[in-house]
Amino acid sequence: MIRLDEQKNVYVHGHNEYDRLTTVLESVGIIDATWYTEFAAQRGTYVHKACALFDQGILDWKTVDPVIEGYVLAWAKFRKDSASRFKNLHIEKTLFHEGIKIAGTLDRIESEENSPSILDIKTGDCAFVGVQTAGYLSLLRNSNLYDLKMENMPLNYRRYAVKLNANSTYKLKLLNNPADISLWQSAVNIYRWRNPK
């Protein structure tokens, strides 16, 4: 089983270490963490956890902090509005790519009208999410997930960002810029040139 070693800031599987996908994007300047705050990071973590509990059907709304309640209500609204379109396959699924020694956690892998999709939940900046989800797509296609009976699904995954807002609204954005894939590949090449494994 793969796990995140927070002290080293890497994923670990057996005796192997895998760099975080977000570390790659930060290292090459695609993610600018200059303005990130500890509060925003914690809020994002709590929102993701609450949304995962919601999708599992075990969220106790009485335990949801008012600070994140609007975001979680936005997710619940998204799920209701898109119930006939998306079917959840995997929640917070960590994948690794053995060839490039990179790992990451996909927020959701969905079946969208019988075609596979990646959904990334955002509560803040979305500028880099296209390249981020292109990275997730690379992990998905080259990772440890094939034991989960997805071989009958085509590899033309759609990628989406679901931007949740504090006022209980959301925006679903299709990420279809073809440059995202080449930017991800370039980011990996630069990162590996600087940090050979």
C-alpha atoms as a PDB file:
ATOM      1  CA  MET A   1       0.000   0.000   0.000  1.00  0.00           C
ATOM      2  CA  ILE A   2       1.249   3.482  -0.852  1.00  0.00           C
ATOM      3  CA  ARG A   3       1.312   6.129   1.871  1.00  0.00           C
ATOM      4  CA  LEU A   4       2.361   9.749   2.248  1.00  0.00           C
ATOM      5  CA  ASP A   5       5.407  10.389   4.433  1.00  0.00           C
ATOM      6  CA  GLU A   6       4.673  13.964   5.490  1.00  0.00           C
ATOM      7  CA  GLN A   7       8.076  14.488   7.116  1.00  0.00           C
ATOM      8  CA  LYS A   8       9.937  13.665   3.891  1.00  0.00           C
ATOM      9  CA  ASN A   9       7.133  15.048   1.686  1.00  0.00           C
ATOM     10  CA  VAL A  10       7.167  11.933  -0.518  1.00  0.00           C
ATOM     11  CA  TYR A  11       4.937   8.936  -1.099  1.00  0.00           C
ATOM     12  CA  VAL A  12       6.311   5.552  -0.037  1.00  0.00           C
ATOM     13  CA  HIS A  13       5.442   2.130  -1.454  1.00  0.00           C
ATOM     14  CA  GLY A  14       7.472  -0.728  -0.061  1.00  0.00           C
ATOM     15  CA  HIS A  15      11.080   0.460  -0.131  1.00  0.00           C
ATOM     16  CA  ASN A  16      10.477   2.929  -2.972  1.00  0.00           C
ATOM     17  CA  GLU A  17       9.928   6.669  -2.672  1.00  0.00           C
ATOM     18  CA  TYR A  18       7.872   8.672  -5.159  1.00  0.00           C
ATOM     19  CA  ASP A  19       7.940  12.444  -5.483  1.00  0.00           C
ATOM     20  CA  ARG A  20       4.607  14.205  -5.108  1.00  0.00           C
ATOM     21  CA  LEU A  21       2.955  15.415  -8.286  1.00  0.00           C
ATOM     22  CA  THR A  22       2.376  18.823  -6.704  1.00  0.00           C
ATOM     23  CA  THR A  23       6.064  19.018  -5.730  1.00  0.00           C
ATOM     24  CA  VAL A  24       6.944  18.585  -9.408  1.00  0.00           C
ATOM     25  CA  LEU A  25       4.567  21.393 -10.434  1.00  0.00           C
ATOM     26  CA  GLU A  26       5.808  23.720  -7.676  1.00  0.00           C
ATOM     27  CA  SER A  27       9.449  23.012  -8.499  1.00  0.00           C
ATOM     28  CA  VAL A  28       9.085  24.125 -12.133  1.00  0.00           C
ATOM     29  CA  GLY A  29       6.878  27.146 -11.345  1.00  0.00           C
ATOM     30  CA  ILE A  30       3.507  25.876 -12.586  1.00  0.00           C
ATOM     31  CA  ILE A  31       2.136  26.083  -9.041  1.00  0.00           C
ATOM     32  CA  ASP A  32       3.092  29.311  -7.289  1.00  0.00           C
ATOM     33  CA  ALA A  33       2.809  28.607  -3.579  1.00  0.00           C
ATOM     34  CA  THR A  34       4.070  32.078  -2.625  1.00  0.00           C
ATOM     35  CA  TRP A  35       0.643  33.290  -1.537  1.00  0.00           C
ATOM     36  CA  TYR A  36      -0.607  30.066   0.054  1.00  0.00           C
ATOM     37  CA  THR A  37      -1.488  30.290   3.718  1.00  0.00           C
ATOM     38  CA  GLU A  38      -1.606  27.583   6.344  1.00  0.00           C
ATOM     39  CA  PHE A  39      -5.276  28.447   6.893  1.00  0.00           C
ATOM     40  CA  ALA A  40      -6.173  27.937   3.216  1.00  0.00           C
ATOM     41  CA  ALA A  41      -4.260  24.641   3.106  1.00  0.00           C
ATOM     42  CA  GLN A  42      -6.030  23.350   6.234  1.00  0.00           C
ATOM     43  CA  ARG A  43      -9.393  24.491   4.912  1.00  0.00           C
ATOM     44  CA  GLY A  44      -8.787  22.625   1.655  1.00  0.00           C
ATOM     45  CA  THR A  45      -7.798  19.473   3.540  1.00  0.00           C
ATOM     46  CA  TYR A  46     -10.930  19.596   5.717  1.00  0.00           C
ATOM     47  CA  VAL A  47     -13.200  20.282   2.739  1.00  0.00           C
ATOM     48  CA  HIS A  48     -11.734  17.320   0.853  1.00  0.00           C
ATOM     49  CA  LYS A  49     -12.227  15.058   3.874  1.00  0.00           C
ATOM     50  CA  ALA A  50     -15.827  16.195   4.376  1.00  0.00           C
ATOM     51  CA  CYS A  51     -16.604  15.729   0.660  1.00  0.00           C
ATOM     52  CA  ALA A  52     -15.140  12.222   0.797  1.00  0.00           C
ATOM     53  CA  LEU A  53     -17.319  11.395   3.813  1.00  0.00           C
ATOM     54  CA  PHE A  54     -20.316  12.817   1.949  1.00  0.00           C
ATOM     55  CA  ASP A  55     -19.619  10.618  -1.073  1.00  0.00           C
ATOM     56  CA  GLN A  56     -19.279   7.589   1.203  1.00  0.00           C
ATOM     57  CA  GLY A  57     -22.659   8.416   2.736  1.00  0.00           C
ATOM     58  CA  ILE A  58     -21.275   8.794   6.255  1.00  0.00           C
ATOM     59  CA  LEU A  59     -20.924  12.568   6.696  1.00  0.00           C
ATOM     60  CA  ASP A  60     -22.438  13.784   9.967  1.00  0.00           C
ATOM     61  CA  TRP A  61     -23.458  17.338   9.080  1.00  0.00           C
ATOM     62  CA  LYS A  62     -23.460  18.281  12.784  1.00  0.00           C
ATOM     63  CA  THR A  63     -19.673  17.875  12.791  1.00  0.00           C
ATOM     64  CA  VAL A  64     -19.039  20.167   9.800  1.00  0.00           C
ATOM     65  CA  ASP A  65     -17.304  23.358  10.894  1.00  0.00           C
ATOM     66  CA  PRO A  66     -19.116  26.550   9.795  1.00  0.00           C
ATOM     67  CA  VAL A  67     -15.871  27.694   8.138  1.00  0.00           C
ATOM     68  CA  ILE A  68     -16.127  24.907   5.550  1.00  0.00           C
ATOM     69  CA  GLU A  69     -19.878  24.290   5.523  1.00  0.00           C
ATOM     70  CA  GLY A  70     -20.544  26.402   2.423  1.00  0.00           C
ATOM     71  CA  TYR A  71     -17.927  24.483   0.426  1.00  0.00           C
ATOM     72  CA  VAL A  72     -19.357  21.125   1.488  1.00  0.00           C
ATOM     73  CA  LEU A  73     -22.901  22.291   0.683  1.00  0.00           C
ATOM     74  CA  ALA A  74     -21.579  23.280  -2.759  1.00  0.00           C
ATOM     75  CA  TRP A  75     -20.248  19.735  -3.226  1.00  0.00           C
ATOM     76  CA  ALA A  76     -23.564  18.246  -2.106  1.00  0.00           C
ATOM     77  CA  LYS A  77     -25.332  20.486  -4.632  1.00  0.00           C
ATOM     78  CA  PHE A  78     -22.921  19.428  -7.372  1.00  0.00           C
ATOM     79  CA  ARG A  79     -23.555  15.762  -6.548  1.00  0.00           C
ATOM     80  CA  LYS A  80     -27.322  16.276  -6.647  1.00  0.00           C
ATOM     81  CA  ASP A  81     -27.220  18.265  -9.891  1.00  0.00           C
ATOM     82  CA  SER A  82     -24.951  15.752 -11.639  1.00  0.00           C
ATOM     83  CA  ALA A  83     -26.335  12.501 -10.212  1.00  0.00           C
ATOM     84  CA  SER A  84     -27.502  11.256 -13.601  1.00  0.00           C
ATOM     85  CA  ARG A  85     -24.221  12.245 -15.282  1.00  0.00           C
ATOM     86  CA  PHE A  86     -21.423  11.095 -12.969  1.00  0.00           C
ATOM     87  CA  LYS A  87     -21.041   7.841 -11.073  1.00  0.00           C
ATOM     88  CA  ASN A  88     -18.286   7.682  -8.491  1.00  0.00           C
ATOM     89  CA  LEU A  89     -15.714   4.925  -8.966  1.00  0.00           C
ATOM     90  CA  HIS A  90     -12.890   5.951  -6.632  1.00  0.00           C
ATOM     91  CA  ILE A  91     -12.553   8.523  -3.854  1.00  0.00           C
ATOM     92  CA  GLU A  92      -9.146  10.051  -3.006  1.00  0.00           C
ATOM     93  CA  LYS A  93      -7.222   7.361  -4.892  1.00  0.00           C
ATOM     94  CA  THR A  94      -3.429   7.496  -4.580  1.00  0.00           C
ATOM     95  CA  LEU A  95      -1.558   6.305  -7.664  1.00  0.00           C
ATOM     96  CA  PHE A  96       2.091   6.015  -8.568  1.00  0.00           C
ATOM     97  CA  HIS A  97       3.973   5.895 -11.856  1.00  0.00           C
ATOM     98  CA  GLU A  98       6.884   3.507 -11.501  1.00  0.00           C
ATOM     99  CA  GLY A  99       8.712   4.792 -14.586  1.00  0.00           C
ATOM    100  CA  ILE A 100       9.010   8.427 -13.470  1.00  0.00           C
ATOM    101  CA  LYS A 101       8.817   7.790  -9.687  1.00  0.00           C
ATOM    102  CA  ILE A 102       5.971  10.258  -9.153  1.00  0.00           C
ATOM    103  CA  ALA A 103       2.751   9.745  -7.188  1.00  0.00           C
ATOM    104  CA  GLY A 104      -0.377  11.722  -6.429  1.00  0.00           C
ATOM    105  CA  THR A 105      -3.885  11.460  -5.064  1.00  0.00           C
ATOM    106  CA  LEU A 106      -6.777  11.898  -7.479  1.00  0.00           C
ATOM    107  CA  ASP A 107      -9.818  13.450  -5.809  1.00  0.00           C
ATOM    108  CA  ARG A 108     -12.326  11.443  -7.850  1.00  0.00           C
ATOM    109  CA  ILE A 109     -12.331   8.945 -10.675  1.00  0.00           C
ATOM    110  CA  GLU A 110     -15.817   8.887 -12.153  1.00  0.00           C
ATOM    111  CA  SER A 111     -17.813   7.182 -14.844  1.00  0.00           C
ATOM    112  CA  GLU A 112     -19.413   9.921 -16.905  1.00  0.00           C
ATOM    113  CA  GLU A 113     -22.134   8.401 -19.056  1.00  0.00           C
ATOM    114  CA  ASN A 114     -19.966   5.230 -19.266  1.00  0.00           C
ATOM    115  CA  SER A 115     -16.781   7.138 -20.086  1.00  0.00           C
ATOM    116  CA  PRO A 116     -14.049   7.652 -17.478  1.00  0.00           C
ATOM    117  CA  SER A 117     -13.411  11.088 -16.001  1.00  0.00           C
ATOM    118  CA  ILE A 118     -11.122  12.706 -13.464  1.00  0.00           C
ATOM    119  CA  LEU A 119     -12.655  15.306 -11.129  1.00  0.00           C
ATOM    120  CA  ASP A 120     -10.415  17.604  -9.105  1.00  0.00           C
ATOM    121  CA  ILE A 121     -11.983  19.533  -6.226  1.00  0.00           C
ATOM    122  CA  LYS A 122     -10.739  23.085  -5.704  1.00  0.00           C
ATOM    123  CA  THR A 123     -11.517  25.644  -3.000  1.00  0.00           C
ATOM    124  CA  GLY A 124      -8.936  28.158  -4.173  1.00  0.00           C
ATOM    125  CA  ASP A 125      -6.673  28.868  -7.125  1.00  0.00           C
ATOM    126  CA  CYS A 126      -7.509  26.854 -10.234  1.00  0.00           C
ATOM    127  CA  ALA A 127      -4.940  28.304 -12.651  1.00  0.00           C
ATOM    128  CA  PHE A 128      -2.773  25.180 -12.685  1.00  0.00           C
ATOM    129  CA  VAL A 129      -5.482  22.508 -12.476  1.00  0.00           C
ATOM    130  CA  GLY A 130      -5.328  21.658 -16.189  1.00  0.00           C
ATOM    131  CA  VAL A 131      -1.673  20.626 -15.945  1.00  0.00           C
ATOM    132  CA  GLN A 132      -2.297  18.971 -12.565  1.00  0.00           C
ATOM    133  CA  THR A 133      -5.069  16.770 -13.972  1.00  0.00           C
ATOM    134  CA  ALA A 134      -2.912  15.989 -17.026  1.00  0.00           C
ATOM    135  CA  GLY A 135      -0.381  14.672 -14.512  1.00  0.00           C
ATOM    136  CA  TYR A 136      -3.087  12.616 -12.821  1.00  0.00           C
ATOM    137  CA  LEU A 137      -4.061  11.216 -16.204  1.00  0.00           C
ATOM    138  CA  SER A 138      -0.445  10.150 -16.728  1.00  0.00           C
ATOM    139  CA  LEU A 139      -0.459   8.428 -13.335  1.00  0.00           C
ATOM    140  CA  LEU A 140      -3.762   6.747 -14.099  1.00  0.00           C
ATOM    141  CA  ARG A 141      -2.604   5.378 -17.432  1.00  0.00           C
ATOM    142  CA  ASN A 142       0.751   4.142 -16.124  1.00  0.00           C
ATOM    143  CA  SER A 143       0.077   3.158 -12.556  1.00  0.00           C
ATOM    144  CA  ASN A 144      -1.014   0.533 -10.134  1.00  0.00           C
ATOM    145  CA  LEU A 145      -4.742   1.027 -10.803  1.00  0.00           C
ATOM    146  CA  TYR A 146      -5.258  -1.581 -13.494  1.00  0.00           C
ATOM    147  CA  ASP A 147      -6.001  -4.229 -10.880  1.00  0.00           C
ATOM    148  CA  LEU A 148      -9.269  -2.390 -10.178  1.00  0.00           C
ATOM    149  CA  LYS A 149     -11.090  -3.737 -13.256  1.00  0.00           C
ATOM    150  CA  MET A 150     -10.959  -0.596 -15.369  1.00  0.00           C
ATOM    151  CA  GLU A 151      -9.422  -2.337 -18.379  1.00  0.00           C
ATOM    152  CA  ASN A 152     -12.794  -2.284 -20.158  1.00  0.00           C
ATOM    153  CA  MET A 153     -12.894   1.507 -19.998  1.00  0.00           C
ATOM    154  CA  PRO A 154     -11.392   3.559 -22.827  1.00  0.00           C
ATOM    155  CA  LEU A 155      -8.408   5.787 -22.181  1.00  0.00           C
ATOM    156  CA  ASN A 156     -10.011   9.002 -23.460  1.00  0.00           C
ATOM    157  CA  TYR A 157     -10.505  10.344 -19.948  1.00  0.00           C
ATOM    158  CA  ARG A 158     -12.195  13.693 -19.550  1.00  0.00           C
ATOM    159  CA  ARG A 159     -10.709  16.012 -16.956  1.00  0.00           C
ATOM    160  CA  TYR A 160     -12.715  18.442 -14.836  1.00  0.00           C
ATOM    161  CA  ALA A 161     -12.232  20.930 -12.024  1.00  0.00           C
ATOM    162  CA  VAL A 162     -15.089  21.408  -9.580  1.00  0.00           C
ATOM    163  CA  LYS A 163     -14.555  24.822  -7.962  1.00  0.00           C
ATOM    164  CA  LEU A 164     -16.388  24.994  -4.636  1.00  0.00           C
ATOM    165  CA  ASN A 165     -17.224  28.383  -3.153  1.00  0.00           C
ATOM    166  CA  ALA A 166     -17.877  29.462   0.422  1.00  0.00           C
ATOM    167  CA  ASN A 167     -21.366  30.698  -0.572  1.00  0.00           C
ATOM    168  CA  SER A 168     -22.512  27.113  -1.372  1.00  0.00           C
ATOM    169  CA  THR A 169     -22.143  27.498  -5.147  1.00  0.00           C
ATOM    170  CA  TYR A 170     -19.910  25.556  -7.503  1.00  0.00           C
ATOM    171  CA  LYS A 171     -18.596  25.694 -11.038  1.00  0.00           C
ATOM    172  CA  LEU A 172     -17.775  22.637 -13.134  1.00  0.00           C
ATOM    173  CA  LYS A 173     -15.067  23.297 -15.721  1.00  0.00           C
ATOM    174  CA  LEU A 174     -14.032  20.932 -18.498  1.00  0.00           C
ATOM    175  CA  LEU A 175     -10.240  20.917 -18.839  1.00  0.00           C
ATOM    176  CA  ASN A 176      -9.561  20.234 -22.490  1.00  0.00           C
ATOM    177  CA  ASN A 177      -6.528  22.333 -23.367  1.00  0.00           C
ATOM    178  CA  PRO A 178      -4.273  20.012 -25.389  1.00  0.00           C
ATOM    179  CA  ALA A 179      -1.240  21.939 -24.106  1.00  0.00           C
ATOM    180  CA  ASP A 180      -1.854  20.566 -20.593  1.00  0.00           C
ATOM    181  CA  ILE A 181      -0.412  17.160 -21.525  1.00  0.00           C
ATOM    182  CA  SER A 182       2.759  18.563 -23.103  1.00  0.00           C
ATOM    183  CA  LEU A 183       3.213  21.011 -20.195  1.00  0.00           C
ATOM    184  CA  TRP A 184       3.004  18.093 -17.761  1.00  0.00           C
ATOM    185  CA  GLN A 185       5.557  16.101 -19.748  1.00  0.00           C
ATOM    186  CA  SER A 186       7.858  19.124 -19.902  1.00  0.00           C
ATOM    187  CA  ALA A 187       7.486  19.656 -16.150  1.00  0.00           C
ATOM    188  CA  VAL A 188       8.479  16.037 -15.493  1.00  0.00           C
ATOM    189  CA  ASN A 189      11.481  16.289 -17.820  1.00  0.00           C
ATOM    190  CA  ILE A 190      12.733  19.480 -16.154  1.00  0.00           C
ATOM    191  CA  TYR A 191      12.084  18.114 -12.663  1.00  0.00           C
ATOM    192  CA  ARG A 192      13.877  14.828 -13.377  1.00  0.00           C
ATOM    193  CA  TRP A 193      16.800  16.695 -14.968  1.00  0.00           C
ATOM    194  CA  ARG A 194      17.135  18.678 -11.740  1.00  0.00           C
ATOM    195  CA  ASN A 195      16.307  15.737  -9.444  1.00  0.00           C
ATOM    196  CA  PRO A 196      17.474  12.486 -11.032  1.00  0.00           C
ATOM    197  CA  LYS A 197      16.324   9.229  -9.408  1.00  0.00           C
END
